[in-house]
Every structure is written in structure tokens, then in C-alpha cells.
Amino acid sequence: MTTSIVISRYNENLEWINKLSLKANLFIYNKGQQFQIPATIKQSKFINLPNVGRESHTWVYHIYKNYEDLSDNIIFLQGRIDDLGCMAFQDISKYIKGLEKESFCASRFGLLTPFHWNNDNLSIPWDKRYKKSWNQGKISKNKLGFRKFSKQLFPNISLFVPTSYGGCFSVRKEAVQQYQKNFYLKLLNFLDKHEHPIEAHYFERLWCYMFSKNSLLNKAILDVFKTKIERNLLNKF
């Protein structure tokens, strides 16, 4: 079984890669400033890309460009993962272990419900990370909105759908290749025209359904309760 680790970098320090013990082909996609790659990092490929579409663009670009030669297991990671809390495994090998029984693996799952579908902009206008950019018009909008956009791509998508956040996950090759290569070209067209398209956030929430449909729904429900319990405990201290 072959494994690839695909990293989407902006201006993050990648020294943490030195700690990886997993044997894998390494792809580093750089969307930020040019930097000197640490000599200790033995990357398979280093690719400069225009700064468009956030990490969603990077994932789709990698799939499209390597469609015929994908590894059996693919791990997609942001340039920094130690600030994502429960949304990213710090032990990267867990992404591979999670694929032993499922076609898609994330460190923590969530749940999309009718409440989320009715929120076309995914609360981004109120999110402190994006509020300023939203108010300045630096995040593009979509006329369809989240639900209609998703239905356009996946007509049979249900009202209750497992999701993951943070853009870090692993997936099996056969799950990726259940869609034709032109499907990913279609996705690229949503992501390659703007530095920060709203569709990048749509896709972040759709990866799990895209690659595993509703097979992880029960796990997602359990993870939602787990997250709520953890937050309640945190608020007590």
C-alpha cells in the first residue's frame, strides 16, 4: 500500500515535517512567500501555486493533476496543524489507521443539519477569523447558497450529513476515483478564480460526504456529543 502526504502551505514553518515517521511520498504545495526548504525535509515534490481557493483548491488540484497515479492512501494536511485542536491528528499515522475500515478519516466529525443548510454563508460574517475580510468584500459569495450548491453537485445528498472541519483528512484512492477526472476539473473552476471563495468553505464541509456518503453518520453523531461534553467541561474551568 502506498501513501502520499499532501501539504498546503501559505507562510507556515514546515519544520514539523522532520518529526514524521510515516513512510510516504511528500507533496508540498506553496501558496505563500518563497522559502528555503529545510535540508532535512526529503520532499518528493515541491510545487508553487497561485494563492487561490485556500486548501480546498490545493486538494482538488492535487487530485486532478495526479488522478491516474494517486497513492492508495492520501493524507491532506494544512501547513500548520498544531493550532487545530481536535480537528487534526498530531500523530499522522492515525490518518492511515482510520482508513483500515473506512474510505475517509478525520480526527473529529461533525454533523450538517437543516439548520446548517439554511446558513448560506456558514456563519463566516460573524466568525472572528473572517469577519473583517467578509466586511471588506475579500471573500467571494455564491448566488446559490450552501444547500443548493451542494444539491447541484450531489443531487441525493440528505438533510443530515456527516462532516469534518479544518481541511485535514485522509482518503482512499478508490473513494477519490469514484468520480471521473472531469468532476475535479469542475470543482477547480469554482476555486481557482479568487483568493478566498466561499466555495472553499463549502467543500471543507463536503469532503466527508463526497468520499464516504453517509457511512460515517453514526460516528458523526457520537462525535458531536463528544465535542459538546468537552466544551461544557472546558467552560467549567
Protein backbone atom coordinates (compact mmCIF):
# COMPACT_ATOMS: atom_id res chain seq x y z
CA MET A 1 0.00 0.00 0.00
CA THR A 2 1.36 3.40 -0.98
CA THR A 3 0.76 6.64 0.93
CA SER A 4 1.05 10.29 -0.01
CA ILE A 5 1.05 13.28 2.34
CA VAL A 6 -0.17 16.43 0.62
CA ILE A 7 0.56 19.71 2.42
CA SER A 8 -0.94 23.09 1.57
CA ARG A 9 1.42 25.82 2.77
CA TYR A 10 0.94 29.57 2.90
CA ASN A 11 3.67 31.04 5.13
CA GLU A 12 3.81 28.37 7.82
CA ASN A 13 7.04 26.91 9.17
CA LEU A 14 7.30 23.31 7.99
CA GLU A 15 9.97 22.11 10.41
CA TRP A 16 7.36 19.82 11.98
CA ILE A 17 7.64 17.60 8.91
CA ASN A 18 11.00 16.44 10.27
CA LYS A 19 9.15 14.59 13.02
CA LEU A 20 7.12 12.47 10.61
CA SER A 21 7.98 8.80 10.85
CA LEU A 22 5.39 7.61 8.35
CA LYS A 23 6.85 6.38 5.08
CA ALA A 24 5.10 8.37 2.38
CA ASN A 25 5.50 10.39 -0.77
CA LEU A 26 5.50 14.04 0.23
CA PHE A 27 3.90 16.80 -1.83
CA ILE A 28 4.34 20.39 -0.65
CA TYR A 29 2.20 23.00 -2.39
CA ASN A 30 3.37 26.51 -1.62
CA LYS A 31 0.94 29.43 -1.99
CA GLY A 32 2.86 31.99 0.02
CA GLN A 33 6.30 33.56 0.02
CA GLN A 34 9.24 31.67 -1.38
CA PHE A 35 11.23 29.98 1.35
CA GLN A 36 14.26 27.81 1.81
CA ILE A 37 13.19 24.22 2.28
CA PRO A 38 14.95 22.77 5.33
CA ALA A 39 17.67 20.40 4.13
CA THR A 40 16.34 17.67 6.39
CA ILE A 41 12.98 17.62 4.61
CA LYS A 42 13.07 15.00 1.87
CA GLN A 43 10.12 16.03 -0.22
CA SER A 44 9.01 14.12 -3.29
CA LYS A 45 7.69 17.21 -4.99
CA PHE A 46 7.60 20.93 -4.24
CA ILE A 47 5.06 22.88 -6.28
CA ASN A 48 4.36 26.62 -6.29
CA LEU A 49 0.73 27.54 -6.83
CA PRO A 50 -1.10 30.88 -7.06
CA ASN A 51 -2.74 31.86 -3.78
CA VAL A 52 -6.32 30.99 -4.69
CA GLY A 53 -9.04 28.80 -3.24
CA ARG A 54 -7.45 28.11 0.17
CA GLU A 55 -6.54 24.48 0.92
CA SER A 56 -9.65 23.22 -0.89
CA HIS A 57 -8.12 24.32 -4.18
CA THR A 58 -4.87 22.54 -3.28
CA TRP A 59 -6.63 19.25 -2.58
CA VAL A 60 -8.63 19.34 -5.81
CA TYR A 61 -5.59 20.45 -7.81
CA HIS A 62 -3.53 17.54 -6.47
CA ILE A 63 -6.25 15.03 -7.28
CA TYR A 64 -6.78 16.37 -10.78
CA LYS A 65 -3.09 16.55 -11.68
CA ASN A 66 -2.30 13.10 -10.24
CA TYR A 67 -5.58 11.36 -10.94
CA GLU A 68 -4.09 8.41 -12.84
CA ASP A 69 -1.21 7.97 -10.37
CA LEU A 70 -2.71 8.51 -6.93
CA SER A 71 -1.37 6.66 -3.92
CA ASP A 72 -3.57 4.05 -2.26
CA ASN A 73 -3.96 6.33 0.77
CA ILE A 74 -3.78 10.14 0.65
CA ILE A 75 -3.40 12.41 3.68
CA PHE A 76 -4.27 16.07 3.20
CA LEU A 77 -2.80 18.48 5.77
CA GLN A 78 -2.57 22.22 6.21
CA GLY A 79 0.83 23.87 6.62
CA ARG A 80 0.21 24.08 10.35
CA ILE A 81 -1.78 21.53 12.30
CA ASP A 82 -0.85 22.16 15.95
CA ASP A 83 -3.38 25.01 16.21
CA LEU A 84 -6.39 22.98 15.05
CA GLY A 85 -7.08 21.27 18.36
CA CYS A 86 -9.23 18.17 17.98
CA MET A 87 -9.68 18.88 14.27
CA ALA A 88 -6.29 17.38 13.35
CA PHE A 89 -4.37 14.32 14.50
CA GLN A 90 -0.93 15.23 15.79
CA ASP A 91 0.08 11.61 15.23
CA ILE A 92 -0.21 11.45 11.43
CA SER A 93 -0.21 7.64 11.43
CA LYS A 94 -3.76 7.75 12.82
CA TYR A 95 -4.95 9.02 9.45
CA ILE A 96 -3.80 5.74 7.92
CA LYS A 97 -5.16 3.58 10.73
CA GLY A 98 -8.55 5.21 10.21
CA LEU A 99 -8.61 4.01 6.61
CA GLU A 100 -8.38 0.35 7.60
CA LYS A 101 -12.17 0.16 7.88
CA GLU A 102 -13.44 3.33 6.21
CA SER A 103 -12.76 5.21 2.98
CA PHE A 104 -12.41 8.56 4.78
CA CYS A 105 -10.78 9.53 8.05
CA ALA A 106 -10.74 12.75 10.10
CA SER A 107 -9.79 13.33 13.72
CA ARG A 108 -13.24 14.61 14.69
CA PHE A 109 -16.55 14.62 12.84
CA GLY A 110 -19.48 16.99 12.93
CA LEU A 111 -23.00 16.93 11.56
CA LEU A 112 -24.74 19.03 8.93
CA THR A 113 -28.44 19.50 9.69
CA PRO A 114 -31.27 21.64 8.25
CA PHE A 115 -30.01 24.46 10.48
CA HIS A 116 -26.64 24.44 8.73
CA TRP A 117 -28.12 24.17 5.24
CA ASN A 118 -30.15 27.33 5.82
CA ASN A 119 -26.96 29.25 6.60
CA ASP A 120 -25.70 30.05 3.09
CA ASN A 121 -22.59 31.83 4.34
CA LEU A 122 -21.77 29.30 7.09
CA SER A 123 -21.63 31.96 9.84
CA ILE A 124 -18.49 33.40 8.25
CA PRO A 125 -19.76 37.01 8.53
CA TRP A 126 -19.70 36.57 12.35
CA ASP A 127 -16.59 34.41 12.66
CA LYS A 128 -13.79 36.47 14.22
CA ARG A 129 -11.28 34.83 11.86
CA TYR A 130 -13.12 36.02 8.75
CA LYS A 131 -15.40 38.89 9.81
CA LYS A 132 -13.02 41.65 8.70
CA SER A 133 -12.36 40.05 5.29
CA TRP A 134 -16.09 39.49 4.81
CA ASN A 135 -16.96 43.10 5.60
CA GLN A 136 -14.23 44.28 3.21
CA GLY A 137 -15.59 42.11 0.40
CA LYS A 138 -12.48 39.92 0.29
CA ILE A 139 -14.49 36.70 0.46
CA SER A 140 -16.46 35.89 -2.67
CA LYS A 141 -20.11 34.88 -2.44
CA ASN A 142 -22.16 32.22 -4.19
CA LYS A 143 -25.61 33.03 -5.60
CA LEU A 144 -26.92 29.51 -4.98
CA GLY A 145 -26.06 29.27 -1.31
CA PHE A 146 -24.72 26.24 0.52
CA ARG A 147 -27.68 23.85 0.18
CA LYS A 148 -28.45 24.46 -3.49
CA PHE A 149 -24.76 24.40 -4.36
CA SER A 150 -24.38 21.01 -2.65
CA LYS A 151 -27.52 19.64 -4.31
CA GLN A 152 -26.17 20.71 -7.68
CA LEU A 153 -23.09 18.53 -7.16
CA PHE A 154 -24.77 15.74 -5.19
CA PRO A 155 -28.50 15.56 -6.05
CA ASN A 156 -29.17 12.80 -3.50
CA ILE A 157 -27.47 14.46 -0.54
CA SER A 158 -29.64 14.15 2.56
CA LEU A 159 -30.58 16.70 5.22
CA PHE A 160 -28.35 15.03 7.81
CA VAL A 161 -24.77 14.59 6.64
CA PRO A 162 -21.50 13.81 8.45
CA THR A 163 -18.86 16.49 8.05
CA SER A 164 -15.35 17.36 9.19
CA TYR A 165 -13.65 20.69 9.78
CA GLY A 166 -10.16 22.09 9.45
CA GLY A 167 -9.48 20.72 5.98
CA CYS A 168 -7.29 17.87 7.30
CA PHE A 169 -8.29 14.31 6.44
CA SER A 170 -7.24 11.10 4.70
CA VAL A 171 -8.99 9.22 1.92
CA ARG A 172 -8.60 6.04 -0.07
CA LYS A 173 -7.78 6.22 -3.77
CA GLU A 174 -10.88 4.28 -4.80
CA ALA A 175 -13.08 6.78 -2.97
CA VAL A 176 -11.46 9.60 -4.94
CA GLN A 177 -11.73 7.76 -8.24
CA GLN A 178 -15.42 7.01 -7.85
CA TYR A 179 -15.73 10.35 -9.65
CA GLN A 180 -14.39 10.92 -13.13
CA LYS A 181 -11.42 13.22 -13.60
CA ASN A 182 -13.63 15.88 -15.22
CA PHE A 183 -15.58 16.14 -11.98
CA TYR A 184 -12.48 17.55 -10.27
CA LEU A 185 -11.92 19.97 -13.14
CA LYS A 186 -15.43 21.23 -12.46
CA LEU A 187 -14.56 21.72 -8.80
CA LEU A 188 -11.35 23.56 -9.72
CA ASN A 189 -13.40 26.05 -11.71
CA PHE A 190 -15.18 27.05 -8.50
CA LEU A 191 -11.93 27.55 -6.62
CA ASP A 192 -9.24 28.94 -8.93
CA LYS A 193 -10.61 32.42 -9.59
CA HIS A 194 -10.49 34.02 -6.15
CA GLU A 195 -8.09 34.10 -3.22
CA HIS A 196 -10.86 33.38 -0.73
CA PRO A 197 -14.02 31.94 -2.35
CA ILE A 198 -16.94 30.93 -0.17
CA GLU A 199 -16.93 27.63 -2.06
CA ALA A 200 -13.66 26.71 -0.32
CA HIS A 201 -15.63 26.63 2.95
CA TYR A 202 -18.43 24.70 1.28
CA PHE A 203 -16.01 22.00 0.20
CA GLU A 204 -14.39 21.83 3.63
CA ARG A 205 -17.77 20.68 4.91
CA LEU A 206 -18.48 18.38 1.98
CA TRP A 207 -15.29 16.27 1.80
CA CYS A 208 -16.65 13.64 4.16
CA TYR A 209 -19.91 13.17 2.24
CA MET A 210 -18.13 13.39 -1.11
CA PHE A 211 -15.84 10.48 -0.30
CA SER A 212 -17.90 8.36 2.09
CA LYS A 213 -21.54 9.41 1.63
CA ASN A 214 -23.39 8.72 4.92
CA SER A 215 -21.38 5.70 6.05
CA LEU A 216 -19.92 7.76 8.93
CA LEU A 217 -23.21 9.27 10.09
CA ASN A 218 -23.37 7.34 13.38
CA LYS A 219 -19.78 8.23 14.21
CA ALA A 220 -20.52 11.87 13.43
CA ILE A 221 -23.47 11.88 15.81
CA LEU A 222 -21.32 10.41 18.59
CA ASP A 223 -18.55 12.92 17.89
CA VAL A 224 -21.00 15.83 18.13
CA PHE A 225 -21.94 14.73 21.66
CA LYS A 226 -18.27 14.22 22.49
CA THR A 227 -17.43 17.76 21.36
CA LYS A 228 -20.31 19.25 23.36
CA ILE A 229 -19.22 17.41 26.51
CA GLU A 230 -15.64 18.61 26.09
CA ARG A 231 -16.77 22.21 25.61
CA ASN A 232 -19.01 22.06 28.68
CA LEU A 233 -16.16 20.71 30.79
CA LEU A 234 -13.81 23.39 29.45
CA ASN A 235 -16.29 26.15 30.33
CA LYS A 236 -16.40 24.95 33.94
CA PHE A 237 -12.73 25.74 34.48
